[in-house]
Amino acid sequence: MALQALVLVALGVSVMAQGHGRFSVGVGAALLVYGVAVAGIAWLGWKKHPLAFGPMMGANVLHAMVIASTANGSKALWLWFGLIPVVASIVALLWPSTRAEFGRGPQPK
């Protein structure tokens, strides 16, 4: 999640630097705010806060859908590789030991 936040913040800065006026600044600012929110979710996950599980799962599913939609509408096959870390995050979140760390599901013995 921290890597996703870093990518979103970098994307926000690059969009604002394009110089298309207020539109670029608005989209870039939205990406920056969202990137900071994802960083906050990642921090909560790092602290193993029980409320972090849902936002982490939701953000990863959202990112997977955005990447798949973008890749499906584009002829650039390399975009599909962006799904690898996102799907790996989803699988890791669903792993029984991870769920137990967040207080979801049975606790390991």
Protein backbone atom coordinates (compact mmCIF):
# COMPACT_ATOMS: atom_id res chain seq x y z
CA MET A 1 0.00 0.00 0.00
CA ALA A 2 2.85 2.39 0.71
CA LEU A 3 4.19 1.85 -2.81
CA GLN A 4 0.73 2.53 -4.22
CA ALA A 5 0.57 5.75 -2.18
CA LEU A 6 3.97 6.82 -3.48
CA VAL A 7 2.90 6.19 -7.08
CA LEU A 8 -0.32 8.17 -6.56
CA VAL A 9 1.53 11.14 -5.04
CA ALA A 10 4.11 11.09 -7.87
CA LEU A 11 1.30 10.89 -10.43
CA GLY A 12 -0.45 13.82 -8.77
CA VAL A 13 2.70 15.94 -8.90
CA SER A 14 3.35 15.04 -12.54
CA VAL A 15 -0.25 15.85 -13.54
CA MET A 16 -0.05 19.25 -11.84
CA ALA A 17 3.25 19.96 -13.61
CA GLN A 18 1.73 19.41 -17.07
CA GLY A 19 0.55 22.98 -17.21
CA HIS A 20 -2.96 22.59 -18.61
CA GLY A 21 -4.33 25.21 -16.27
CA ARG A 22 -6.79 24.69 -13.46
CA PHE A 23 -7.88 21.28 -14.73
CA SER A 24 -4.41 19.79 -14.26
CA VAL A 25 -4.07 21.39 -10.85
CA GLY A 26 -7.47 20.02 -9.77
CA VAL A 27 -6.81 16.48 -10.95
CA GLY A 28 -3.30 16.55 -9.51
CA ALA A 29 -4.57 17.84 -6.17
CA ALA A 30 -7.20 15.09 -6.04
CA LEU A 31 -4.53 12.48 -6.73
CA LEU A 32 -2.31 13.98 -4.03
CA VAL A 33 -5.11 13.90 -1.47
CA TYR A 34 -6.00 10.33 -2.41
CA GLY A 35 -2.31 9.34 -2.26
CA VAL A 36 -2.03 10.77 1.25
CA ALA A 37 -5.21 8.90 2.25
CA VAL A 38 -3.75 5.64 0.90
CA ALA A 39 -0.53 6.37 2.81
CA GLY A 40 -2.63 6.77 5.96
CA ILE A 41 -4.32 3.44 5.30
CA ALA A 42 -0.90 1.85 4.77
CA TRP A 43 0.31 3.33 8.07
CA LEU A 44 -2.72 1.91 9.90
CA GLY A 45 -1.98 -1.45 8.29
CA TRP A 46 1.64 -1.25 9.39
CA LYS A 47 0.42 -0.67 12.95
CA LYS A 48 -1.98 -3.65 12.52
CA HIS A 49 -4.94 -1.51 13.46
CA PRO A 50 -8.14 -3.60 13.29
CA LEU A 51 -9.93 -0.94 11.23
CA ALA A 52 -7.25 -0.96 8.52
CA PHE A 53 -8.30 -4.29 6.97
CA GLY A 54 -11.44 -3.00 5.20
CA PRO A 55 -9.90 0.16 3.73
CA MET A 56 -6.82 -1.79 2.62
CA MET A 57 -8.97 -4.39 0.87
CA GLY A 58 -11.25 -1.75 -0.62
CA ALA A 59 -8.37 0.37 -1.95
CA ASN A 60 -6.66 -2.66 -3.49
CA VAL A 61 -9.86 -3.84 -5.18
CA LEU A 62 -10.45 -0.30 -6.48
CA HIS A 63 -6.89 -0.13 -7.81
CA ALA A 64 -7.29 -3.53 -9.49
CA MET A 65 -10.49 -2.40 -11.22
CA VAL A 66 -8.93 0.87 -12.40
CA ILE A 67 -5.84 -0.89 -13.74
CA ALA A 68 -7.90 -3.61 -15.46
CA SER A 69 -10.27 -1.05 -16.97
CA THR A 70 -7.40 1.09 -18.24
CA ALA A 71 -5.52 -1.92 -19.61
CA ASN A 72 -8.65 -3.30 -21.26
CA GLY A 73 -9.29 0.00 -23.06
CA SER A 74 -5.69 0.37 -24.17
CA LYS A 75 -3.52 -1.54 -26.60
CA ALA A 76 -0.54 -1.35 -24.22
CA LEU A 77 -0.21 -4.88 -22.84
CA TRP A 78 2.35 -3.77 -20.26
CA LEU A 79 -0.45 -2.16 -18.22
CA TRP A 80 -1.63 -5.61 -17.18
CA PHE A 81 1.61 -6.06 -15.22
CA GLY A 82 0.36 -3.35 -12.85
CA LEU A 83 -2.11 -5.89 -11.53
CA ILE A 84 0.64 -8.14 -10.15
CA PRO A 85 1.43 -6.18 -6.95
CA VAL A 86 -2.23 -5.30 -6.40
CA VAL A 87 -3.42 -8.91 -6.70
CA ALA A 88 -0.50 -10.00 -4.50
CA SER A 89 -1.70 -7.50 -1.87
CA ILE A 90 -5.25 -8.83 -2.05
CA VAL A 91 -4.06 -12.43 -1.69
CA ALA A 92 -1.80 -11.44 1.21
CA LEU A 93 -4.71 -9.71 2.95
CA LEU A 94 -6.86 -12.81 2.55
CA TRP A 95 -4.14 -15.11 3.92
CA PRO A 96 -5.31 -16.67 7.22
CA SER A 97 -2.35 -15.43 9.26
CA THR A 98 -2.81 -11.88 7.97
CA ARG A 99 -6.51 -11.96 8.73
CA ALA A 100 -5.69 -13.17 12.26
CA GLU A 101 -3.22 -10.29 12.75
CA PHE A 102 -6.01 -7.84 11.97
CA GLY A 103 -8.42 -9.67 14.29
CA ARG A 104 -10.40 -11.22 11.44
CA GLY A 105 -11.10 -14.93 11.48
CA PRO A 106 -9.65 -17.57 13.80
CA GLN A 107 -6.55 -16.76 15.81
CA PRO A 108 -3.49 -19.00 15.18
CA LYS A 109 -2.49 -21.33 18.00
